[in-house]
Amino acid sequence: MLHSTLGRFRLMLWLQGISYVLLLFVAFPLRDAGVMPQAVTWFGNLYGFLFLMYLLFMVTMYTSQKWRLRRPIALFFVSFIPLGNMIYDVVVFRKLCRQRNKA
């Protein structure tokens, strides 16, 4: 998986998606319950860093793989949907990887 740029991008896609889910469904409830108010700061910083790395990887993939502009725009908007990155990976990128392995 990590031997290609697409594989590394898929890993970044999953890491960013998991950090977003943790921020929404772990950190915010902990803050609202008053148990751990600093959890949003920690997970928010992690999510912010991974989101910037995700955007950097996306631009790199756009230029190196010669994607049409439609895919990075879709990936940008999908990244704001909880579990959206994972679903996009399963639906689009796994099929793309299978096609490349056959060729």
PDB file of N, CA and C in Angstrom:
ATOM      1  N   MET A   1       0.820  -1.191   0.000  1.00  0.00           N
ATOM      2  CA  MET A   1       0.000   0.000   0.000  1.00  0.00           C
ATOM      3  C   MET A   1       0.863   1.254   0.000  1.00  0.00           C
ATOM      4  N   LEU A   2       1.947   1.269   0.733  1.00  0.00           N
ATOM      5  CA  LEU A   2       2.771   2.462   0.829  1.00  0.00           C
ATOM      6  C   LEU A   2       3.838   2.543  -0.250  1.00  0.00           C
ATOM      7  N   HIS A   3       3.787   1.648  -1.218  1.00  0.00           N
ATOM      8  CA  HIS A   3       4.800   1.628  -2.265  1.00  0.00           C
ATOM      9  C   HIS A   3       4.495   2.592  -3.394  1.00  0.00           C
ATOM     10  N   SER A   4       3.293   3.130  -3.428  1.00  0.00           N
ATOM     11  CA  SER A   4       2.916   4.052  -4.501  1.00  0.00           C
ATOM     12  C   SER A   4       2.398   5.353  -3.900  1.00  0.00           C
ATOM     13  N   THR A   5       2.359   6.372  -4.722  1.00  0.00           N
ATOM     14  CA  THR A   5       1.831   7.659  -4.238  1.00  0.00           C
ATOM     15  C   THR A   5       0.343   7.552  -3.943  1.00  0.00           C
ATOM     16  N   LEU A   6      -0.372   6.755  -4.719  1.00  0.00           N
ATOM     17  CA  LEU A   6      -1.793   6.558  -4.455  1.00  0.00           C
ATOM     18  C   LEU A   6      -2.004   5.844  -3.121  1.00  0.00           C
ATOM     19  N   GLY A   7      -1.162   4.872  -2.815  1.00  0.00           N
ATOM     20  CA  GLY A   7      -1.256   4.170  -1.535  1.00  0.00           C
ATOM     21  C   GLY A   7      -0.984   5.080  -0.361  1.00  0.00           C
ATOM     22  N   ARG A   8       0.032   5.934  -0.492  1.00  0.00           N
ATOM     23  CA  ARG A   8       0.318   6.893   0.583  1.00  0.00           C
ATOM     24  C   ARG A   8      -0.813   7.899   0.737  1.00  0.00           C
ATOM     25  N   PHE A   9      -1.408   8.311  -0.388  1.00  0.00           N
ATOM     26  CA  PHE A   9      -2.529   9.234  -0.303  1.00  0.00           C
ATOM     27  C   PHE A   9      -3.729   8.572   0.362  1.00  0.00           C
ATOM     28  N   ARG A  10      -3.973   7.305   0.062  1.00  0.00           N
ATOM     29  CA  ARG A  10      -5.077   6.588   0.696  1.00  0.00           C
ATOM     30  C   ARG A  10      -4.858   6.473   2.199  1.00  0.00           C
ATOM     31  N   LEU A  11      -3.607   6.263   2.639  1.00  0.00           N
ATOM     32  CA  LEU A  11      -3.311   6.228   4.072  1.00  0.00           C
ATOM     33  C   LEU A  11      -3.607   7.581   4.700  1.00  0.00           C
ATOM     34  N   MET A  12      -3.196   8.667   4.044  1.00  0.00           N
ATOM     35  CA  MET A  12      -3.468  10.007   4.558  1.00  0.00           C
ATOM     36  C   MET A  12      -4.968  10.268   4.599  1.00  0.00           C
ATOM     37  N   LEU A  13      -5.682   9.770   3.617  1.00  0.00           N
ATOM     38  CA  LEU A  13      -7.135   9.910   3.564  1.00  0.00           C
ATOM     39  C   LEU A  13      -7.776   9.263   4.790  1.00  0.00           C
ATOM     40  N   TRP A  14      -7.327   8.066   5.144  1.00  0.00           N
ATOM     41  CA  TRP A  14      -7.870   7.364   6.307  1.00  0.00           C
ATOM     42  C   TRP A  14      -7.489   8.055   7.612  1.00  0.00           C
ATOM     43  N   LEU A  15      -6.233   8.491   7.725  1.00  0.00           N
ATOM     44  CA  LEU A  15      -5.813   9.168   8.953  1.00  0.00           C
ATOM     45  C   LEU A  15      -6.603  10.454   9.178  1.00  0.00           C
ATOM     46  N   GLN A  16      -6.794  11.221   8.125  1.00  0.00           N
ATOM     47  CA  GLN A  16      -7.539  12.466   8.252  1.00  0.00           C
ATOM     48  C   GLN A  16      -8.998  12.171   8.596  1.00  0.00           C
ATOM     49  N   GLY A  17      -9.571  11.165   7.981  1.00  0.00           N
ATOM     50  CA  GLY A  17     -10.956  10.802   8.275  1.00  0.00           C
ATOM     51  C   GLY A  17     -11.150  10.322   9.704  1.00  0.00           C
ATOM     52  N   ILE A  18     -10.216   9.525  10.185  1.00  0.00           N
ATOM     53  CA  ILE A  18     -10.302   9.032  11.569  1.00  0.00           C
ATOM     54  C   ILE A  18     -10.147  10.181  12.558  1.00  0.00           C
ATOM     55  N   SER A  19      -9.235  11.112  12.268  1.00  0.00           N
ATOM     56  CA  SER A  19      -9.054  12.238  13.188  1.00  0.00           C
ATOM     57  C   SER A  19     -10.303  13.115  13.230  1.00  0.00           C
ATOM     58  N   TYR A  20     -10.993  13.250  12.107  1.00  0.00           N
ATOM     59  CA  TYR A  20     -12.226  14.043  12.073  1.00  0.00           C
ATOM     60  C   TYR A  20     -13.327  13.364  12.891  1.00  0.00           C
ATOM     61  N   VAL A  21     -13.449  12.061  12.749  1.00  0.00           N
ATOM     62  CA  VAL A  21     -14.449  11.310  13.511  1.00  0.00           C
ATOM     63  C   VAL A  21     -14.142  11.380  15.006  1.00  0.00           C
ATOM     64  N   LEU A  22     -12.870  11.264  15.373  1.00  0.00           N
ATOM     65  CA  LEU A  22     -12.491  11.380  16.785  1.00  0.00           C
ATOM     66  C   LEU A  22     -12.810  12.768  17.329  1.00  0.00           C
ATOM     67  N   LEU A  23     -12.569  13.783  16.531  1.00  0.00           N
ATOM     68  CA  LEU A  23     -12.866  15.145  16.970  1.00  0.00           C
ATOM     69  C   LEU A  23     -14.363  15.316  17.201  1.00  0.00           C
ATOM     70  N   LEU A  24     -15.171  14.850  16.258  1.00  0.00           N
ATOM     71  CA  LEU A  24     -16.615  15.050  16.363  1.00  0.00           C
ATOM     72  C   LEU A  24     -17.278  14.178  17.416  1.00  0.00           C
ATOM     73  N   PHE A  25     -16.885  12.910  17.482  1.00  0.00           N
ATOM     74  CA  PHE A  25     -17.621  11.962  18.302  1.00  0.00           C
ATOM     75  C   PHE A  25     -16.939  11.575  19.616  1.00  0.00           C
ATOM     76  N   VAL A  26     -15.711  12.052  19.844  1.00  0.00           N
ATOM     77  CA  VAL A  26     -15.044  11.800  21.117  1.00  0.00           C
ATOM     78  C   VAL A  26     -14.739  13.113  21.830  1.00  0.00           C
ATOM     79  N   ALA A  27     -14.035  14.005  21.143  1.00  0.00           N
ATOM     80  CA  ALA A  27     -13.572  15.230  21.808  1.00  0.00           C
ATOM     81  C   ALA A  27     -14.722  16.167  22.168  1.00  0.00           C
ATOM     82  N   PHE A  28     -15.632  16.406  21.235  1.00  0.00           N
ATOM     83  CA  PHE A  28     -16.736  17.319  21.531  1.00  0.00           C
ATOM     84  C   PHE A  28     -17.651  16.789  22.645  1.00  0.00           C
ATOM     85  N   PRO A  29     -18.019  15.508  22.651  1.00  0.00           N
ATOM     86  CA  PRO A  29     -18.807  15.018  23.797  1.00  0.00           C
ATOM     87  C   PRO A  29     -18.058  15.098  25.126  1.00  0.00           C
ATOM     88  N   LEU A  30     -16.744  14.854  25.104  1.00  0.00           N
ATOM     89  CA  LEU A  30     -15.975  14.985  26.344  1.00  0.00           C
ATOM     90  C   LEU A  30     -15.974  16.426  26.840  1.00  0.00           C
ATOM     91  N   ARG A  31     -15.855  17.375  25.916  1.00  0.00           N
ATOM     92  CA  ARG A  31     -15.883  18.785  26.311  1.00  0.00           C
ATOM     93  C   ARG A  31     -17.261  19.184  26.827  1.00  0.00           C
ATOM     94  N   ASP A  32     -18.303  18.757  26.125  1.00  0.00           N
ATOM     95  CA  ASP A  32     -19.662  19.132  26.526  1.00  0.00           C
ATOM     96  C   ASP A  32     -20.074  18.503  27.846  1.00  0.00           C
ATOM     97  N   ALA A  33     -19.517  17.336  28.152  1.00  0.00           N
ATOM     98  CA  ALA A  33     -19.813  16.692  29.426  1.00  0.00           C
ATOM     99  C   ALA A  33     -19.009  17.308  30.566  1.00  0.00           C
ATOM    100  N   GLY A  34     -18.041  18.127  30.233  1.00  0.00           N
ATOM    101  CA  GLY A  34     -17.217  18.757  31.254  1.00  0.00           C
ATOM    102  C   GLY A  34     -16.140  17.850  31.811  1.00  0.00           C
ATOM    103  N   VAL A  35     -15.970  16.695  31.207  1.00  0.00           N
ATOM    104  CA  VAL A  35     -14.997  15.727  31.698  1.00  0.00           C
ATOM    105  C   VAL A  35     -13.578  16.131  31.322  1.00  0.00           C
ATOM    106  N   MET A  36     -13.404  16.535  30.059  1.00  0.00           N
ATOM    107  CA  MET A  36     -12.067  16.812  29.550  1.00  0.00           C
ATOM    108  C   MET A  36     -12.143  17.939  28.527  1.00  0.00           C
ATOM    109  N   PRO A  37     -12.198  19.180  28.963  1.00  0.00           N
ATOM    110  CA  PRO A  37     -12.366  20.283  28.013  1.00  0.00           C
ATOM    111  C   PRO A  37     -11.183  20.485  27.073  1.00  0.00           C
ATOM    112  N   GLN A  38      -9.992  20.054  27.439  1.00  0.00           N
ATOM    113  CA  GLN A  38      -8.828  20.237  26.584  1.00  0.00           C
ATOM    114  C   GLN A  38      -8.761  19.213  25.448  1.00  0.00           C
ATOM    115  N   ALA A  39      -9.662  18.231  25.430  1.00  0.00           N
ATOM    116  CA  ALA A  39      -9.657  17.208  24.379  1.00  0.00           C
ATOM    117  C   ALA A  39      -9.901  17.826  23.011  1.00  0.00           C
ATOM    118  N   VAL A  40     -10.743  18.848  22.933  1.00  0.00           N
ATOM    119  CA  VAL A  40     -11.011  19.500  21.650  1.00  0.00           C
ATOM    120  C   VAL A  40      -9.750  20.172  21.130  1.00  0.00           C
ATOM    121  N   THR A  41      -8.972  20.753  22.013  1.00  0.00           N
ATOM    122  CA  THR A  41      -7.721  21.387  21.598  1.00  0.00           C
ATOM    123  C   THR A  41      -6.753  20.354  21.047  1.00  0.00           C
ATOM    124  N   TRP A  42      -6.601  19.250  21.739  1.00  0.00           N
ATOM    125  CA  TRP A  42      -5.675  18.216  21.281  1.00  0.00           C
ATOM    126  C   TRP A  42      -6.111  17.606  19.958  1.00  0.00           C
ATOM    127  N   PHE A  43      -7.363  17.131  19.918  1.00  0.00           N
ATOM    128  CA  PHE A  43      -7.843  16.506  18.692  1.00  0.00           C
ATOM    129  C   PHE A  43      -7.996  17.529  17.567  1.00  0.00           C
ATOM    130  N   GLY A  44      -8.319  18.762  17.916  1.00  0.00           N
ATOM    131  CA  GLY A  44      -8.426  19.812  16.901  1.00  0.00           C
ATOM    132  C   GLY A  44      -7.091  20.119  16.259  1.00  0.00           C
ATOM    133  N   ASN A  45      -6.041  20.168  17.058  1.00  0.00           N
ATOM    134  CA  ASN A  45      -4.702  20.377  16.501  1.00  0.00           C
ATOM    135  C   ASN A  45      -4.277  19.215  15.618  1.00  0.00           C
ATOM    136  N   LEU A  46      -4.552  18.008  16.065  1.00  0.00           N
ATOM    137  CA  LEU A  46      -4.232  16.831  15.263  1.00  0.00           C
ATOM    138  C   LEU A  46      -5.004  16.849  13.951  1.00  0.00           C
ATOM    139  N   TYR A  47      -6.296  17.128  14.037  1.00  0.00           N
ATOM    140  CA  TYR A  47      -7.115  17.183  12.831  1.00  0.00           C
ATOM    141  C   TYR A  47      -6.630  18.287  11.885  1.00  0.00           C
ATOM    142  N   GLY A  48      -6.317  19.448  12.414  1.00  0.00           N
ATOM    143  CA  GLY A  48      -5.850  20.544  11.582  1.00  0.00           C
ATOM    144  C   GLY A  48      -4.568  20.204  10.853  1.00  0.00           C
ATOM    145  N   PHE A  49      -3.613  19.602  11.564  1.00  0.00           N
ATOM    146  CA  PHE A  49      -2.364  19.194  10.927  1.00  0.00           C
ATOM    147  C   PHE A  49      -2.613  18.161   9.834  1.00  0.00           C
ATOM    148  N   LEU A  50      -3.404  17.141  10.152  1.00  0.00           N
ATOM    149  CA  LEU A  50      -3.678  16.093   9.160  1.00  0.00           C
ATOM    150  C   LEU A  50      -4.483  16.629   7.982  1.00  0.00           C
ATOM    151  N   PHE A  51      -5.361  17.608   8.216  1.00  0.00           N
ATOM    152  CA  PHE A  51      -6.122  18.184   7.118  1.00  0.00           C
ATOM    153  C   PHE A  51      -5.206  18.954   6.175  1.00  0.00           C
ATOM    154  N   LEU A  52      -4.254  19.709   6.726  1.00  0.00           N
ATOM    155  CA  LEU A  52      -3.305  20.417   5.867  1.00  0.00           C
ATOM    156  C   LEU A  52      -2.429  19.443   5.081  1.00  0.00           C
ATOM    157  N   MET A  53      -1.999  18.371   5.729  1.00  0.00           N
ATOM    158  CA  MET A  53      -1.222  17.341   5.021  1.00  0.00           C
ATOM    159  C   MET A  53      -2.063  16.681   3.932  1.00  0.00           C
ATOM    160  N   TYR A  54      -3.324  16.442   4.234  1.00  0.00           N
ATOM    161  CA  TYR A  54      -4.259  15.869   3.265  1.00  0.00           C
ATOM    162  C   TYR A  54      -4.379  16.774   2.036  1.00  0.00           C
ATOM    163  N   LEU A  55      -4.523  18.078   2.260  1.00  0.00           N
ATOM    164  CA  LEU A  55      -4.614  19.014   1.135  1.00  0.00           C
ATOM    165  C   LEU A  55      -3.318  19.034   0.326  1.00  0.00           C
ATOM    166  N   LEU A  56      -2.186  18.972   1.015  1.00  0.00           N
ATOM    167  CA  LEU A  56      -0.904  18.943   0.326  1.00  0.00           C
ATOM    168  C   LEU A  56      -0.766  17.677  -0.515  1.00  0.00           C
ATOM    169  N   PHE A  57      -1.122  16.536   0.052  1.00  0.00           N
ATOM    170  CA  PHE A  57      -1.093  15.277  -0.693  1.00  0.00           C
ATOM    171  C   PHE A  57      -2.047  15.336  -1.885  1.00  0.00           C
ATOM    172  N   MET A  58      -3.214  15.948  -1.682  1.00  0.00           N
ATOM    173  CA  MET A  58      -4.203  16.026  -2.756  1.00  0.00           C
ATOM    174  C   MET A  58      -3.668  16.854  -3.921  1.00  0.00           C
ATOM    175  N   VAL A  59      -3.024  17.967  -3.642  1.00  0.00           N
ATOM    176  CA  VAL A  59      -2.437  18.790  -4.701  1.00  0.00           C
ATOM    177  C   VAL A  59      -1.313  18.023  -5.400  1.00  0.00           C
ATOM    178  N   THR A  60      -0.524  17.301  -4.628  1.00  0.00           N
ATOM    179  CA  THR A  60       0.537  16.493  -5.214  1.00  0.00           C
ATOM    180  C   THR A  60      -0.027  15.419  -6.133  1.00  0.00           C
ATOM    181  N   MET A  61      -1.080  14.760  -5.688  1.00  0.00           N
ATOM    182  CA  MET A  61      -1.706  13.729  -6.521  1.00  0.00           C
ATOM    183  C   MET A  61      -2.334  14.349  -7.775  1.00  0.00           C
ATOM    184  N   TYR A  62      -2.931  15.518  -7.628  1.00  0.00           N
ATOM    185  CA  TYR A  62      -3.551  16.204  -8.767  1.00  0.00           C
ATOM    186  C   TYR A  62      -2.517  16.499  -9.838  1.00  0.00           C
ATOM    187  N   THR A  63      -1.343  16.943  -9.433  1.00  0.00           N
ATOM    188  CA  THR A  63      -0.329  17.286 -10.428  1.00  0.00           C
ATOM    189  C   THR A  63       0.413  16.058 -10.947  1.00  0.00           C
ATOM    190  N   SER A  64       0.750  15.112 -10.085  1.00  0.00           N
ATOM    191  CA  SER A  64       1.545  13.965 -10.532  1.00  0.00           C
ATOM    192  C   SER A  64       0.716  12.931 -11.285  1.00  0.00           C
ATOM    193  N   GLN A  65      -0.520  12.720 -10.886  1.00  0.00           N
ATOM    194  CA  GLN A  65      -1.360  11.711 -11.530  1.00  0.00           C
ATOM    195  C   GLN A  65      -2.216  12.281 -12.656  1.00  0.00           C
ATOM    196  N   LYS A  66      -2.130  13.605 -12.840  1.00  0.00           N
ATOM    197  CA  LYS A  66      -2.891  14.289 -13.893  1.00  0.00           C
ATOM    198  C   LYS A  66      -4.394  14.023 -13.781  1.00  0.00           C
ATOM    199  N   TRP A  67      -4.890  14.163 -12.523  1.00  0.00           N
ATOM    200  CA  TRP A  67      -6.321  14.035 -12.284  1.00  0.00           C
ATOM    201  C   TRP A  67      -7.061  15.205 -12.912  1.00  0.00           C
ATOM    202  N   ARG A  68      -8.318  14.969 -13.264  1.00  0.00           N
ATOM    203  CA  ARG A  68      -9.167  16.097 -13.634  1.00  0.00           C
ATOM    204  C   ARG A  68      -9.510  16.865 -12.368  1.00  0.00           C
ATOM    205  N   LEU A  69      -9.907  18.110 -12.505  1.00  0.00           N
ATOM    206  CA  LEU A  69     -10.169  18.968 -11.357  1.00  0.00           C
ATOM    207  C   LEU A  69     -11.357  18.480 -10.533  1.00  0.00           C
ATOM    208  N   ARG A  70     -12.202  17.666 -11.135  1.00  0.00           N
ATOM    209  CA  ARG A  70     -13.394  17.168 -10.448  1.00  0.00           C
ATOM    210  C   ARG A  70     -13.054  16.327  -9.222  1.00  0.00           C
ATOM    211  N   ARG A  71     -12.019  15.497  -9.303  1.00  0.00           N
ATOM    212  CA  ARG A  71     -11.685  14.605  -8.191  1.00  0.00           C
ATOM    213  C   ARG A  71     -11.171  15.363  -6.966  1.00  0.00           C
ATOM    214  N   PRO A  72     -10.216  16.308  -7.085  1.00  0.00           N
ATOM    215  CA  PRO A  72      -9.799  17.040  -5.881  1.00  0.00           C
ATOM    216  C   PRO A  72     -10.921  17.869  -5.261  1.00  0.00           C
ATOM    217  N   ILE A  73     -11.786  18.432  -6.081  1.00  0.00           N
ATOM    218  CA  ILE A  73     -12.912  19.190  -5.534  1.00  0.00           C
ATOM    219  C   ILE A  73     -13.840  18.269  -4.760  1.00  0.00           C
ATOM    220  N   ALA A  74     -14.120  17.094  -5.320  1.00  0.00           N
ATOM    221  CA  ALA A  74     -14.968  16.115  -4.622  1.00  0.00           C
ATOM    222  C   ALA A  74     -14.311  15.655  -3.324  1.00  0.00           C
ATOM    223  N   LEU A  75     -13.004  15.403  -3.363  1.00  0.00           N
ATOM    224  CA  LEU A  75     -12.294  14.973  -2.157  1.00  0.00           C
ATOM    225  C   LEU A  75     -12.308  16.055  -1.087  1.00  0.00           C
ATOM    226  N   PHE A  76     -12.216  17.313  -1.488  1.00  0.00           N
ATOM    227  CA  PHE A  76     -12.248  18.408  -0.521  1.00  0.00           C
ATOM    228  C   PHE A  76     -13.589  18.439   0.201  1.00  0.00           C
ATOM    229  N   PHE A  77     -14.682  18.361  -0.544  1.00  0.00           N
ATOM    230  CA  PHE A  77     -15.997  18.433   0.084  1.00  0.00           C
ATOM    231  C   PHE A  77     -16.352  17.160   0.844  1.00  0.00           C
ATOM    232  N   VAL A  78     -15.891  16.016   0.369  1.00  0.00           N
ATOM    233  CA  VAL A  78     -16.157  14.751   1.056  1.00  0.00           C
ATOM    234  C   VAL A  78     -15.441  14.713   2.402  1.00  0.00           C
ATOM    235  N   SER A  79     -14.328  15.422   2.522  1.00  0.00           N
ATOM    236  CA  SER A  79     -13.562  15.383   3.765  1.00  0.00           C
ATOM    237  C   SER A  79     -14.299  16.031   4.934  1.00  0.00           C
ATOM    238  N   PHE A  80     -15.356  16.801   4.676  1.00  0.00           N
ATOM    239  CA  PHE A  80     -16.124  17.425   5.757  1.00  0.00           C
ATOM    240  C   PHE A  80     -17.321  16.582   6.189  1.00  0.00           C
ATOM    241  N   ILE A  81     -17.520  15.451   5.560  1.00  0.00           N
ATOM    242  CA  ILE A  81     -18.592  14.533   5.935  1.00  0.00           C
ATOM    243  C   ILE A  81     -17.977  13.449   6.822  1.00  0.00           C
ATOM    244  N   PRO A  82     -18.524  13.231   8.016  1.00  0.00           N
ATOM    245  CA  PRO A  82     -17.972  12.151   8.850  1.00  0.00           C
ATOM    246  C   PRO A  82     -18.021  10.815   8.108  1.00  0.00           C
ATOM    247  N   LEU A  83     -16.916  10.129   8.097  1.00  0.00           N
ATOM    248  CA  LEU A  83     -16.707   8.855   7.387  1.00  0.00           C
ATOM    249  C   LEU A  83     -16.741   9.005   5.862  1.00  0.00           C
ATOM    250  N   GLY A  84     -16.803  10.217   5.361  1.00  0.00           N
ATOM    251  CA  GLY A  84     -16.858  10.449   3.915  1.00  0.00           C
ATOM    252  C   GLY A  84     -15.593   9.998   3.215  1.00  0.00           C
ATOM    253  N   ASN A  85     -14.434  10.242   3.830  1.00  0.00           N
ATOM    254  CA  ASN A  85     -13.171   9.825   3.220  1.00  0.00           C
ATOM    255  C   ASN A  85     -13.091   8.318   3.073  1.00  0.00           C
ATOM    256  N   MET A  86     -13.541   7.615   4.101  1.00  0.00           N
ATOM    257  CA  MET A  86     -13.458   6.163   4.060  1.00  0.00           C
ATOM    258  C   MET A  86     -14.389   5.589   2.988  1.00  0.00           C
ATOM    259  N   ILE A  87     -15.577   6.152   2.891  1.00  0.00           N
ATOM    260  CA  ILE A  87     -16.526   5.696   1.881  1.00  0.00           C
ATOM    261  C   ILE A  87     -15.990   5.985   0.486  1.00  0.00           C
ATOM    262  N   TYR A  88     -15.420   7.171   0.284  1.00  0.00           N
ATOM    263  CA  TYR A  88     -14.847   7.527  -1.016  1.00  0.00           C
ATOM    264  C   TYR A  88     -13.708   6.574  -1.364  1.00  0.00           C
ATOM    265  N   ASP A  89     -12.896   6.214  -0.373  1.00  0.00           N
ATOM    266  CA  ASP A  89     -11.806   5.283  -0.616  1.00  0.00           C
ATOM    267  C   ASP A  89     -12.330   3.929  -1.065  1.00  0.00           C
ATOM    268  N   VAL A  90     -13.325   3.430  -0.373  1.00  0.00           N
ATOM    269  CA  VAL A  90     -13.872   2.117  -0.705  1.00  0.00           C
ATOM    270  C   VAL A  90     -14.526   2.131  -2.089  1.00  0.00           C
ATOM    271  N   VAL A  91     -15.262   3.182  -2.379  1.00  0.00           N
ATOM    272  CA  VAL A  91     -16.016   3.229  -3.637  1.00  0.00           C
ATOM    273  C   VAL A  91     -15.126   3.551  -4.826  1.00  0.00           C
ATOM    274  N   VAL A  92     -14.211   4.507  -4.699  1.00  0.00           N
ATOM    275  CA  VAL A  92     -13.466   4.998  -5.860  1.00  0.00           C
ATOM    276  C   VAL A  92     -12.043   4.456  -5.911  1.00  0.00           C
ATOM    277  N   PHE A  93     -11.270   4.650  -4.854  1.00  0.00           N
ATOM    278  CA  PHE A  93      -9.848   4.356  -4.933  1.00  0.00           C
ATOM    279  C   PHE A  93      -9.533   2.868  -4.965  1.00  0.00           C
ATOM    280  N   ARG A  94     -10.296   2.053  -4.277  1.00  0.00           N
ATOM    281  CA  ARG A  94     -10.024   0.611  -4.342  1.00  0.00           C
ATOM    282  C   ARG A  94     -10.277   0.083  -5.747  1.00  0.00           C
ATOM    283  N   LYS A  95     -11.314   0.597  -6.388  1.00  0.00           N
ATOM    284  CA  LYS A  95     -11.586   0.199  -7.766  1.00  0.00           C
ATOM    285  C   LYS A  95     -10.459   0.670  -8.683  1.00  0.00           C
ATOM    286  N   LEU A  96      -9.956   1.877  -8.451  1.00  0.00           N
ATOM    287  CA  LEU A  96      -8.862   2.416  -9.244  1.00  0.00           C
ATOM    288  C   LEU A  96      -7.589   1.593  -9.049  1.00  0.00           C
ATOM    289  N   CYS A  97      -7.322   1.176  -7.816  1.00  0.00           N
ATOM    290  CA  CYS A  97      -6.143   0.352  -7.539  1.00  0.00           C
ATOM    291  C   CYS A  97      -6.257  -1.023  -8.207  1.00  0.00           C
ATOM    292  N   ARG A  98      -7.449  -1.597  -8.182  1.00  0.00           N
ATOM    293  CA  ARG A  98      -7.632  -2.895  -8.847  1.00  0.00           C
ATOM    294  C   ARG A  98      -7.405  -2.784 -10.344  1.00  0.00           C
ATOM    295  N   GLN A  99      -7.876  -1.689 -10.954  1.00  0.00           N
ATOM    296  CA  GLN A  99      -7.682  -1.490 -12.387  1.00  0.00           C
ATOM    297  C   GLN A  99      -6.206  -1.329 -12.725  1.00  0.00           C
ATOM    298  N   ARG A 100      -5.456  -0.622 -11.874  1.00  0.00           N
ATOM    299  CA  ARG A 100      -4.028  -0.430 -12.123  1.00  0.00           C
ATOM    300  C   ARG A 100      -3.249  -1.718 -11.925  1.00  0.00           C
ATOM    301  N   ASN A 101      -3.666  -2.558 -10.978  1.00  0.00           N
ATOM    302  CA  ASN A 101      -2.970  -3.822 -10.756  1.00  0.00           C
ATOM    303  C   ASN A 101      -3.208  -4.808 -11.892  1.00  0.00           C
ATOM    304  N   LYS A 102      -4.350  -4.745 -12.537  1.00  0.00           N
ATOM    305  CA  LYS A 102      -4.640  -5.627 -13.656  1.00  0.00           C
ATOM    306  C   LYS A 102      -3.841  -5.242 -14.884  1.00  0.00           C
ATOM    307  N   ALA A 103      -3.595  -3.951 -15.052  1.00  0.00           N
ATOM    308  CA  ALA A 103      -2.898  -3.470 -16.251  1.00  0.00           C
ATOM    309  C   ALA A 103      -1.411  -3.722 -16.196  1.00  0.00           C
TER     310      ALA A 103
END
